[in-house]
Amino acid sequence: EVPVQDVKAFLESTEALVPRGTESGHIDWDLELANLFAN
């Protein structure tokens, strides 16, 4: 059982940095590909 206001405030802070729908623009795709091929 989690206070809803705490989760809401946390998510608002995350969305101020990375709005929903823009997540893929914050991923380092070159690094992800390098990790994928290395493993």
PDB file of all heavy atoms in Angstrom:
ATOM      1  N   GLU A   1       0.868  -1.173   0.000  1.00  0.00           N
ATOM      2  CA  GLU A   1       0.000   0.000   0.000  1.00  0.00           C
ATOM      3  C   GLU A   1       0.906   1.226   0.000  1.00  0.00           C
ATOM      4  O   GLU A   1       1.738   1.399   0.878  1.00  0.00           O
ATOM      5  CB  GLU A   1      -0.890  -0.003   1.236  1.00  0.00           C
ATOM      6  CG  GLU A   1      -1.856   1.144   1.286  1.00  0.00           C
ATOM      7  CD  GLU A   1      -2.751   1.077   2.508  1.00  0.00           C
ATOM      8  OE1 GLU A   1      -3.325   0.001   2.771  1.00  0.00           O
ATOM      9  OE2 GLU A   1      -2.866   2.112   3.190  1.00  0.00           O
ATOM     10  N   VAL A   2       0.747   2.069  -1.020  1.00  0.00           N
ATOM     11  CA  VAL A   2       1.651   3.190  -1.253  1.00  0.00           C
ATOM     12  C   VAL A   2       0.837   4.482  -1.320  1.00  0.00           C
ATOM     13  O   VAL A   2      -0.195   4.518  -2.005  1.00  0.00           O
ATOM     14  CB  VAL A   2       2.410   2.984  -2.592  1.00  0.00           C
ATOM     15  CG1 VAL A   2       3.401   4.095  -2.833  1.00  0.00           C
ATOM     16  CG2 VAL A   2       3.088   1.627  -2.629  1.00  0.00           C
ATOM     17  N   PRO A   3       1.281   5.550  -0.647  1.00  0.00           N
ATOM     18  CA  PRO A   3       0.552   6.828  -0.773  1.00  0.00           C
ATOM     19  C   PRO A   3       0.552   7.306  -2.224  1.00  0.00           C
ATOM     20  O   PRO A   3       1.602   7.504  -2.837  1.00  0.00           O
ATOM     21  CB  PRO A   3       1.339   7.785   0.127  1.00  0.00           C
ATOM     22  CG  PRO A   3       2.093   6.896   1.068  1.00  0.00           C
ATOM     23  CD  PRO A   3       2.394   5.642   0.296  1.00  0.00           C
ATOM     24  N   VAL A   4      -0.636   7.483  -2.774  1.00  0.00           N
ATOM     25  CA  VAL A   4      -0.769   7.832  -4.183  1.00  0.00           C
ATOM     26  C   VAL A   4      -0.114   9.177  -4.494  1.00  0.00           C
ATOM     27  O   VAL A   4       0.467   9.351  -5.579  1.00  0.00           O
ATOM     28  CB  VAL A   4      -2.247   7.776  -4.624  1.00  0.00           C
ATOM     29  CG1 VAL A   4      -3.036   8.945  -4.104  1.00  0.00           C
ATOM     30  CG2 VAL A   4      -2.357   7.693  -6.133  1.00  0.00           C
ATOM     31  N   GLN A   5      -0.166  10.126  -3.582  1.00  0.00           N
ATOM     32  CA  GLN A   5       0.426  11.444  -3.832  1.00  0.00           C
ATOM     33  C   GLN A   5       1.938  11.362  -3.998  1.00  0.00           C
ATOM     34  O   GLN A   5       2.519  12.120  -4.779  1.00  0.00           O
ATOM     35  CB  GLN A   5       0.050  12.435  -2.726  1.00  0.00           C
ATOM     36  CG  GLN A   5      -1.410  12.829  -2.745  1.00  0.00           C
ATOM     37  CD  GLN A   5      -1.825  13.469  -4.070  1.00  0.00           C
ATOM     38  OE1 GLN A   5      -1.040  14.047  -4.815  1.00  0.00           O
ATOM     39  NE2 GLN A   5      -3.104  13.353  -4.384  1.00  0.00           N
ATOM     40  N   ASP A   6       2.595  10.436  -3.267  1.00  0.00           N
ATOM     41  CA  ASP A   6       4.043  10.282  -3.401  1.00  0.00           C
ATOM     42  C   ASP A   6       4.418   9.752  -4.784  1.00  0.00           C
ATOM     43  O   ASP A   6       5.371  10.227  -5.410  1.00  0.00           O
ATOM     44  CB  ASP A   6       4.591   9.353  -2.317  1.00  0.00           C
ATOM     45  CG  ASP A   6       4.511   9.954  -0.926  1.00  0.00           C
ATOM     46  OD1 ASP A   6       4.333  11.189  -0.800  1.00  0.00           O
ATOM     47  OD2 ASP A   6       4.639   9.186   0.047  1.00  0.00           O
ATOM     48  N   VAL A   7       3.664   8.777  -5.252  1.00  0.00           N
ATOM     49  CA  VAL A   7       3.933   8.219  -6.582  1.00  0.00           C
ATOM     50  C   VAL A   7       3.642   9.266  -7.651  1.00  0.00           C
ATOM     51  O   VAL A   7       4.409   9.438  -8.599  1.00  0.00           O
ATOM     52  CB  VAL A   7       3.115   6.935  -6.818  1.00  0.00           C
ATOM     53  CG1 VAL A   7       3.300   6.431  -8.246  1.00  0.00           C
ATOM     54  CG2 VAL A   7       3.501   5.866  -5.813  1.00  0.00           C
ATOM     55  N   LYS A   8       2.548   9.978  -7.486  1.00  0.00           N
ATOM     56  CA  LYS A   8       2.179  11.012  -8.454  1.00  0.00           C
ATOM     57  C   LYS A   8       3.260  12.100  -8.533  1.00  0.00           C
ATOM     58  O   LYS A   8       3.662  12.503  -9.632  1.00  0.00           O
ATOM     59  CB  LYS A   8       0.832  11.621  -8.069  1.00  0.00           C
ATOM     60  CG  LYS A   8       0.276  12.559  -9.084  1.00  0.00           C
ATOM     61  CD  LYS A   8      -1.116  13.026  -8.684  1.00  0.00           C
ATOM     62  CE  LYS A   8      -1.702  13.886  -9.772  1.00  0.00           C
ATOM     63  NZ  LYS A   8      -3.048  14.356  -9.440  1.00  0.00           N
ATOM     64  N   ALA A   9       3.747  12.565  -7.393  1.00  0.00           N
ATOM     65  CA  ALA A   9       4.796  13.593  -7.378  1.00  0.00           C
ATOM     66  C   ALA A   9       6.082  13.077  -8.020  1.00  0.00           C
ATOM     67  O   ALA A   9       6.743  13.793  -8.781  1.00  0.00           O
ATOM     68  CB  ALA A   9       5.063  14.055  -5.945  1.00  0.00           C
ATOM     69  N   PHE A  10       6.436  11.835  -7.726  1.00  0.00           N
ATOM     70  CA  PHE A  10       7.626  11.231  -8.321  1.00  0.00           C
ATOM     71  C   PHE A  10       7.493  11.178  -9.840  1.00  0.00           C
ATOM     72  O   PHE A  10       8.402  11.591 -10.571  1.00  0.00           O
ATOM     73  CB  PHE A  10       7.854   9.829  -7.754  1.00  0.00           C
ATOM     74  CG  PHE A  10       8.963   9.083  -8.430  1.00  0.00           C
ATOM     75  CD1 PHE A  10      10.280   9.360  -8.132  1.00  0.00           C
ATOM     76  CD2 PHE A  10       8.689   8.116  -9.389  1.00  0.00           C
ATOM     77  CE1 PHE A  10      11.311   8.676  -8.775  1.00  0.00           C
ATOM     78  CE2 PHE A  10       9.699   7.439 -10.032  1.00  0.00           C
ATOM     79  CZ  PHE A  10      11.023   7.722  -9.721  1.00  0.00           C
ATOM     80  N   LEU A  11       6.355  10.687 -10.330  1.00  0.00           N
ATOM     81  CA  LEU A  11       6.160  10.580 -11.776  1.00  0.00           C
ATOM     82  C   LEU A  11       6.147  11.945 -12.448  1.00  0.00           C
ATOM     83  O   LEU A  11       6.675  12.097 -13.559  1.00  0.00           O
ATOM     84  CB  LEU A  11       4.885   9.810 -12.089  1.00  0.00           C
ATOM     85  CG  LEU A  11       4.949   8.309 -11.785  1.00  0.00           C
ATOM     86  CD1 LEU A  11       3.577   7.673 -11.956  1.00  0.00           C
ATOM     87  CD2 LEU A  11       5.991   7.619 -12.642  1.00  0.00           C
ATOM     88  N   GLU A  12       5.577  12.948 -11.802  1.00  0.00           N
ATOM     89  CA  GLU A  12       5.605  14.306 -12.367  1.00  0.00           C
ATOM     90  C   GLU A  12       7.041  14.802 -12.512  1.00  0.00           C
ATOM     91  O   GLU A  12       7.385  15.447 -13.505  1.00  0.00           O
ATOM     92  CB  GLU A  12       4.783  15.253 -11.496  1.00  0.00           C
ATOM     93  CG  GLU A  12       3.285  15.035 -11.635  1.00  0.00           C
ATOM     94  CD  GLU A  12       2.456  15.818 -10.616  1.00  0.00           C
ATOM     95  OE1 GLU A  12       3.031  16.475  -9.716  1.00  0.00           O
ATOM     96  OE2 GLU A  12       1.214  15.773 -10.730  1.00  0.00           O
ATOM     97  N   SER A  13       7.895  14.479 -11.542  1.00  0.00           N
ATOM     98  CA  SER A  13       9.305  14.874 -11.634  1.00  0.00           C
ATOM     99  C   SER A  13      10.007  14.160 -12.776  1.00  0.00           C
ATOM    100  O   SER A  13      10.831  14.755 -13.475  1.00  0.00           O
ATOM    101  CB  SER A  13      10.026  14.578 -10.320  1.00  0.00           C
ATOM    102  OG  SER A  13       9.499  15.360  -9.278  1.00  0.00           O
ATOM    103  N   THR A  14       9.682  12.874 -12.998  1.00  0.00           N
ATOM    104  CA  THR A  14      10.318  12.149 -14.100  1.00  0.00           C
ATOM    105  C   THR A  14       9.856  12.692 -15.442  1.00  0.00           C
ATOM    106  O   THR A  14      10.646  12.814 -16.375  1.00  0.00           O
ATOM    107  CB  THR A  14      10.042  10.629 -14.040  1.00  0.00           C
ATOM    108  OG1 THR A  14       8.681  10.349 -14.348  1.00  0.00           O
ATOM    109  CG2 THR A  14      10.415  10.054 -12.695  1.00  0.00           C
ATOM    110  N   GLU A  15       8.558  13.033 -15.516  1.00  0.00           N
ATOM    111  CA  GLU A  15       8.016  13.534 -16.783  1.00  0.00           C
ATOM    112  C   GLU A  15       8.482  14.952 -17.090  1.00  0.00           C
ATOM    113  O   GLU A  15       8.497  15.355 -18.258  1.00  0.00           O
ATOM    114  CB  GLU A  15       6.502  13.420 -16.776  1.00  0.00           C
ATOM    115  CG  GLU A  15       6.054  11.962 -16.842  1.00  0.00           C
ATOM    116  CD  GLU A  15       4.558  11.766 -16.775  1.00  0.00           C
ATOM    117  OE1 GLU A  15       3.804  12.713 -17.068  1.00  0.00           O
ATOM    118  OE2 GLU A  15       4.136  10.644 -16.421  1.00  0.00           O
ATOM    119  N   ALA A  16       8.914  15.694 -16.074  1.00  0.00           N
ATOM    120  CA  ALA A  16       9.504  17.011 -16.318  1.00  0.00           C
ATOM    121  C   ALA A  16      10.856  16.849 -17.019  1.00  0.00           C
ATOM    122  O   ALA A  16      11.247  17.703 -17.815  1.00  0.00           O
ATOM    123  CB  ALA A  16       9.665  17.773 -15.005  1.00  0.00           C
ATOM    124  N   LEU A  17      11.558  15.751 -16.735  1.00  0.00           N
ATOM    125  CA  LEU A  17      12.844  15.479 -17.396  1.00  0.00           C
ATOM    126  C   LEU A  17      12.650  14.819 -18.751  1.00  0.00           C
ATOM    127  O   LEU A  17      13.298  15.185 -19.735  1.00  0.00           O
ATOM    128  CB  LEU A  17      13.707  14.563 -16.527  1.00  0.00           C
ATOM    129  CG  LEU A  17      14.276  15.138 -15.261  1.00  0.00           C
ATOM    130  CD1 LEU A  17      15.074  14.069 -14.525  1.00  0.00           C
ATOM    131  CD2 LEU A  17      15.161  16.334 -15.557  1.00  0.00           C
ATOM    132  N   VAL A  18      11.804  13.809 -18.785  1.00  0.00           N
ATOM    133  CA  VAL A  18      11.571  13.038 -20.005  1.00  0.00           C
ATOM    134  C   VAL A  18      10.051  12.875 -20.153  1.00  0.00           C
ATOM    135  O   VAL A  18       9.453  12.006 -19.527  1.00  0.00           O
ATOM    136  CB  VAL A  18      12.247  11.650 -19.945  1.00  0.00           C
ATOM    137  CG1 VAL A  18      11.973  10.868 -21.233  1.00  0.00           C
ATOM    138  CG2 VAL A  18      13.742  11.773 -19.702  1.00  0.00           C
ATOM    139  N   PRO A  19       9.418  13.726 -20.960  1.00  0.00           N
ATOM    140  CA  PRO A  19       7.967  13.596 -21.147  1.00  0.00           C
ATOM    141  C   PRO A  19       7.615  12.233 -21.740  1.00  0.00           C
ATOM    142  O   PRO A  19       8.377  11.668 -22.541  1.00  0.00           O
ATOM    143  CB  PRO A  19       7.634  14.718 -22.130  1.00  0.00           C
ATOM    144  CG  PRO A  19       8.747  15.710 -21.965  1.00  0.00           C
ATOM    145  CD  PRO A  19       9.969  14.894 -21.659  1.00  0.00           C
ATOM    146  N   ARG A  20       6.459  11.698 -21.329  1.00  0.00           N
ATOM    147  CA  ARG A  20       6.002  10.430 -21.895  1.00  0.00           C
ATOM    148  C   ARG A  20       5.883  10.584 -23.405  1.00  0.00           C
ATOM    149  O   ARG A  20       5.430  11.588 -23.911  1.00  0.00           O
ATOM    150  CB  ARG A  20       4.660  10.040 -21.296  1.00  0.00           C
ATOM    151  CG  ARG A  20       4.808   9.474 -19.885  1.00  0.00           C
ATOM    152  CD  ARG A  20       3.499   9.110 -19.281  1.00  0.00           C
ATOM    153  NE  ARG A  20       3.064   7.791 -19.759  1.00  0.00           N
ATOM    154  CZ  ARG A  20       1.954   7.203 -19.339  1.00  0.00           C
ATOM    155  NH1 ARG A  20       1.166   7.798 -18.462  1.00  0.00           N
ATOM    156  NH2 ARG A  20       1.619   6.024 -19.804  1.00  0.00           N
ATOM    157  N   GLY A  21       6.351   9.565 -24.103  1.00  0.00           N
ATOM    158  CA  GLY A  21       6.330   9.583 -25.559  1.00  0.00           C
ATOM    159  C   GLY A  21       7.649  10.010 -26.180  1.00  0.00           C
ATOM    160  O   GLY A  21       7.850   9.847 -27.371  1.00  0.00           O
ATOM    161  N   THR A  22       8.570  10.571 -25.364  1.00  0.00           N
ATOM    162  CA  THR A  22       9.870  11.008 -25.890  1.00  0.00           C
ATOM    163  C   THR A  22      11.019  10.136 -25.396  1.00  0.00           C
ATOM    164  O   THR A  22      12.183  10.476 -25.613  1.00  0.00           O
ATOM    165  CB  THR A  22      10.161  12.476 -25.506  1.00  0.00           C
ATOM    166  OG1 THR A  22      10.360  12.558 -24.089  1.00  0.00           O
ATOM    167  CG2 THR A  22       9.023  13.397 -25.941  1.00  0.00           C
ATOM    168  N   GLU A  23      10.705   9.023 -24.746  1.00  0.00           N
ATOM    169  CA  GLU A  23      11.731   8.193 -24.110  1.00  0.00           C
ATOM    170  C   GLU A  23      12.817   7.723 -25.083  1.00  0.00           C
ATOM    171  O   GLU A  23      14.000   7.751 -24.750  1.00  0.00           O
ATOM    172  CB  GLU A  23      11.091   6.965 -23.440  1.00  0.00           C
ATOM    173  CG  GLU A  23      10.225   7.283 -22.256  1.00  0.00           C
ATOM    174  CD  GLU A  23       8.761   7.513 -22.606  1.00  0.00           C
ATOM    175  OE1 GLU A  23       8.431   7.642 -23.813  1.00  0.00           O
ATOM    176  OE2 GLU A  23       7.945   7.558 -21.677  1.00  0.00           O
ATOM    177  N   SER A  24      12.431   7.299 -26.278  1.00  0.00           N
ATOM    178  CA  SER A  24      13.419   6.729 -27.209  1.00  0.00           C
ATOM    179  C   SER A  24      14.487   7.728 -27.605  1.00  0.00           C
ATOM    180  O   SER A  24      15.605   7.338 -27.955  1.00  0.00           O
ATOM    181  CB  SER A  24      12.726   6.167 -28.442  1.00  0.00           C
ATOM    182  OG  SER A  24      12.126   7.201 -29.192  1.00  0.00           O
ATOM    183  N   GLY A  25      14.196   9.005 -27.540  1.00  0.00           N
ATOM    184  CA  GLY A  25      15.191  10.023 -27.857  1.00  0.00           C
ATOM    185  C   GLY A  25      16.264  10.185 -26.792  1.00  0.00           C
ATOM    186  O   GLY A  25      17.259  10.870 -27.010  1.00  0.00           O
ATOM    187  N   HIS A  26      16.100   9.520 -25.634  1.00  0.00           N
ATOM    188  CA  HIS A  26      17.062   9.627 -24.534  1.00  0.00           C
ATOM    189  C   HIS A  26      17.928   8.379 -24.398  1.00  0.00           C
ATOM    190  O   HIS A  26      18.720   8.282 -23.475  1.00  0.00           O
ATOM    191  CB  HIS A  26      16.325   9.897 -23.216  1.00  0.00           C
ATOM    192  CG  HIS A  26      15.652  11.230 -23.216  1.00  0.00           C
ATOM    193  ND1 HIS A  26      16.284  12.382 -22.834  1.00  0.00           N
ATOM    194  CD2 HIS A  26      14.407  11.592 -23.584  1.00  0.00           C
ATOM    195  CE1 HIS A  26      15.447  13.396 -22.954  1.00  0.00           C
ATOM    196  NE2 HIS A  26      14.299  12.947 -23.411  1.00  0.00           N
ATOM    197  N   ILE A  27      17.764   7.445 -25.311  1.00  0.00           N
ATOM    198  CA  ILE A  27      18.545   6.210 -25.265  1.00  0.00           C
ATOM    199  C   ILE A  27      19.764   6.360 -26.167  1.00  0.00           C
ATOM    200  O   ILE A  27      19.669   6.841 -27.292  1.00  0.00           O
ATOM    201  CB  ILE A  27      17.684   5.010 -25.715  1.00  0.00           C
ATOM    202  CG1 ILE A  27      16.539   4.806 -24.716  1.00  0.00           C
ATOM    203  CG2 ILE A  27      18.527   3.750 -25.852  1.00  0.00           C
ATOM    204  CD1 ILE A  27      15.544   3.751 -25.127  1.00  0.00           C
ATOM    205  N   ASP A  28      20.910   5.930 -25.666  1.00  0.00           N
ATOM    206  CA  ASP A  28      22.143   5.914 -26.461  1.00  0.00           C
ATOM    207  C   ASP A  28      22.116   4.617 -27.272  1.00  0.00           C
ATOM    208  O   ASP A  28      22.564   3.562 -26.808  1.00  0.00           O
ATOM    209  CB  ASP A  28      23.366   5.973 -25.545  1.00  0.00           C
ATOM    210  CG  ASP A  28      24.671   6.034 -26.306  1.00  0.00           C
ATOM    211  OD1 ASP A  28      24.701   5.681 -27.512  1.00  0.00           O
ATOM    212  OD2 ASP A  28      25.685   6.440 -25.699  1.00  0.00           O
ATOM    213  N   TRP A  29      21.572   4.683 -28.488  1.00  0.00           N
ATOM    214  CA  TRP A  29      21.377   3.490 -29.302  1.00  0.00           C
ATOM    215  C   TRP A  29      22.694   2.844 -29.714  1.00  0.00           C
ATOM    216  O   TRP A  29      22.782   1.611 -29.822  1.00  0.00           O
ATOM    217  CB  TRP A  29      20.516   3.813 -30.518  1.00  0.00           C
ATOM    218  CG  TRP A  29      19.109   4.134 -30.122  1.00  0.00           C
ATOM    219  CD1 TRP A  29      18.499   5.352 -30.127  1.00  0.00           C
ATOM    220  CD2 TRP A  29      18.131   3.223 -29.617  1.00  0.00           C
ATOM    221  NE1 TRP A  29      17.206   5.263 -29.657  1.00  0.00           N
ATOM    222  CE2 TRP A  29      16.950   3.957 -29.340  1.00  0.00           C
ATOM    223  CE3 TRP A  29      18.126   1.852 -29.360  1.00  0.00           C
ATOM    224  CZ2 TRP A  29      15.797   3.372 -28.823  1.00  0.00           C
ATOM    225  CZ3 TRP A  29      16.961   1.268 -28.854  1.00  0.00           C
ATOM    226  CH2 TRP A  29      15.825   2.026 -28.597  1.00  0.00           C
ATOM    227  N   ASP A  30      23.736   3.639 -29.931  1.00  0.00           N
ATOM    228  CA  ASP A  30      25.036   3.063 -30.285  1.00  0.00           C
ATOM    229  C   ASP A  30      25.563   2.197 -29.141  1.00  0.00           C
ATOM    230  O   ASP A  30      26.068   1.091 -29.361  1.00  0.00           O
ATOM    231  CB  ASP A  30      26.046   4.164 -30.623  1.00  0.00           C
ATOM    232  CG  ASP A  30      25.706   4.884 -31.913  1.00  0.00           C
ATOM    233  OD1 ASP A  30      25.054   4.268 -32.791  1.00  0.00           O
ATOM    234  OD2 ASP A  30      26.090   6.071 -32.038  1.00  0.00           O
ATOM    235  N   LEU A  31      25.430   2.681 -27.909  1.00  0.00           N
ATOM    236  CA  LEU A  31      25.859   1.918 -26.742  1.00  0.00           C
ATOM    237  C   LEU A  31      25.014   0.660 -26.576  1.00  0.00           C
ATOM    238  O   LEU A  31      25.546  -0.427 -26.291  1.00  0.00           O
ATOM    239  CB  LEU A  31      25.778   2.787 -25.474  1.00  0.00           C
ATOM    240  CG  LEU A  31      26.153   2.106 -24.171  1.00  0.00           C
ATOM    241  CD1 LEU A  31      27.607   1.641 -24.205  1.00  0.00           C
ATOM    242  CD2 LEU A  31      25.910   3.051 -23.002  1.00  0.00           C
ATOM    243  N   GLU A  32      23.714   0.767 -26.777  1.00  0.00           N
ATOM    244  CA  GLU A  32      22.828  -0.397 -26.660  1.00  0.00           C
ATOM    245  C   GLU A  32      23.199  -1.470 -27.685  1.00  0.00           C
ATOM    246  O   GLU A  32      23.233  -2.654 -27.357  1.00  0.00           O
ATOM    247  CB  GLU A  32      21.365   0.012 -26.811  1.00  0.00           C
ATOM    248  CG  GLU A  32      20.840   0.873 -25.685  1.00  0.00           C
ATOM    249  CD  GLU A  32      20.867   0.191 -24.335  1.00  0.00           C
ATOM    250  OE1 GLU A  32      20.606  -1.035 -24.265  1.00  0.00           O
ATOM    251  OE2 GLU A  32      21.158   0.877 -23.351  1.00  0.00           O
ATOM    252  N   LEU A  33      23.456  -1.053 -28.919  1.00  0.00           N
ATOM    253  CA  LEU A  33      23.856  -2.007 -29.956  1.00  0.00           C
ATOM    254  C   LEU A  33      25.197  -2.647 -29.632  1.00  0.00           C
ATOM    255  O   LEU A  33      25.382  -3.856 -29.810  1.00  0.00           O
ATOM    256  CB  LEU A  33      23.903  -1.347 -31.326  1.00  0.00           C
ATOM    257  CG  LEU A  33      22.542  -1.093 -31.967  1.00  0.00           C
ATOM    258  CD1 LEU A  33      22.702  -0.237 -33.229  1.00  0.00           C
ATOM    259  CD2 LEU A  33      21.868  -2.403 -32.298  1.00  0.00           C
ATOM    260  N   ALA A  34      26.136  -1.853 -29.157  1.00  0.00           N
ATOM    261  CA  ALA A  34      27.448  -2.394 -28.782  1.00  0.00           C
ATOM    262  C   ALA A  34      27.300  -3.434 -27.670  1.00  0.00           C
ATOM    263  O   ALA A  34      27.937  -4.493 -27.715  1.00  0.00           O
ATOM    264  CB  ALA A  34      28.374  -1.264 -28.342  1.00  0.00           C
ATOM    265  N   ASN A  35      26.453  -3.164 -26.677  1.00  0.00           N
ATOM    266  CA  ASN A  35      26.219  -4.129 -25.604  1.00  0.00           C
ATOM    267  C   ASN A  35      25.541  -5.391 -26.119  1.00  0.00           C
ATOM    268  O   ASN A  35      25.877  -6.485 -25.692  1.00  0.00           O
ATOM    269  CB  ASN A  35      25.369  -3.494 -24.488  1.00  0.00           C
ATOM    270  CG  ASN A  35      26.137  -2.478 -23.678  1.00  0.00           C
ATOM    271  OD1 ASN A  35      27.356  -2.534 -23.580  1.00  0.00           O
ATOM    272  ND2 ASN A  35      25.413  -1.544 -23.094  1.00  0.00           N
ATOM    273  N   LEU A  36      24.618  -5.220 -27.023  1.00  0.00           N
ATOM    274  CA  LEU A  36      23.913  -6.364 -27.586  1.00  0.00           C
ATOM    275  C   LEU A  36      24.871  -7.285 -28.336  1.00  0.00           C
ATOM    276  O   LEU A  36      24.866  -8.501 -28.149  1.00  0.00           O
ATOM    277  CB  LEU A  36      22.803  -5.884 -28.521  1.00  0.00           C
ATOM    278  CG  LEU A  36      21.952  -6.952 -29.181  1.00  0.00           C
ATOM    279  CD1 LEU A  36      21.152  -7.724 -28.156  1.00  0.00           C
ATOM    280  CD2 LEU A  36      21.028  -6.323 -30.208  1.00  0.00           C
ATOM    281  N   PHE A  37      25.730  -6.708 -29.175  1.00  0.00           N
ATOM    282  CA  PHE A  37      26.676  -7.506 -29.947  1.00  0.00           C
ATOM    283  C   PHE A  37      27.771  -8.082 -29.072  1.00  0.00           C
ATOM    284  O   PHE A  37      28.266  -9.184 -29.328  1.00  0.00           O
ATOM    285  CB  PHE A  37      27.261  -6.703 -31.097  1.00  0.00           C
ATOM    286  CG  PHE A  37      26.259  -6.415 -32.181  1.00  0.00           C
ATOM    287  CD1 PHE A  37      26.045  -5.123 -32.633  1.00  0.00           C
ATOM    288  CD2 PHE A  37      25.512  -7.431 -32.761  1.00  0.00           C
ATOM    289  CE1 PHE A  37      25.111  -4.857 -33.631  1.00  0.00           C
ATOM    290  CE2 PHE A  37      24.579  -7.185 -33.756  1.00  0.00           C
ATOM    291  CZ  PHE A  37      24.387  -5.889 -34.186  1.00  0.00           C
ATOM    292  N   ALA A  38      28.158  -7.392 -28.023  1.00  0.00           N
ATOM    293  CA  ALA A  38      29.193  -7.896 -27.122  1.00  0.00           C
ATOM    294  C   ALA A  38      28.698  -9.104 -26.318  1.00  0.00           C
ATOM    295  O   ALA A  38      29.489  -9.978 -25.979  1.00  0.00           O
ATOM    296  CB  ALA A  38      29.647  -6.796 -26.158  1.00  0.00           C
ATOM    297  N   ASN A  39      27.403  -9.161 -26.060  1.00  0.00           N
ATOM    298  CA  ASN A  39      26.850 -10.266 -25.264  1.00  0.00           C
ATOM    299  C   ASN A  39      26.336 -11.409 -26.130  1.00  0.00           C
ATOM    300  O   ASN A  39      25.732 -12.340 -25.617  1.00  0.00           O
ATOM    301  CB  ASN A  39      25.736  -9.731 -24.347  1.00  0.00           C
ATOM    302  CG  ASN A  39      26.281  -8.800 -23.299  1.00  0.00           C
ATOM    303  OD1 ASN A  39      27.379  -8.997 -22.795  1.00  0.00           O
ATOM    304  ND2 ASN A  39      25.516  -7.772 -22.969  1.00  0.00           N
TER     305      ASN A  39
END
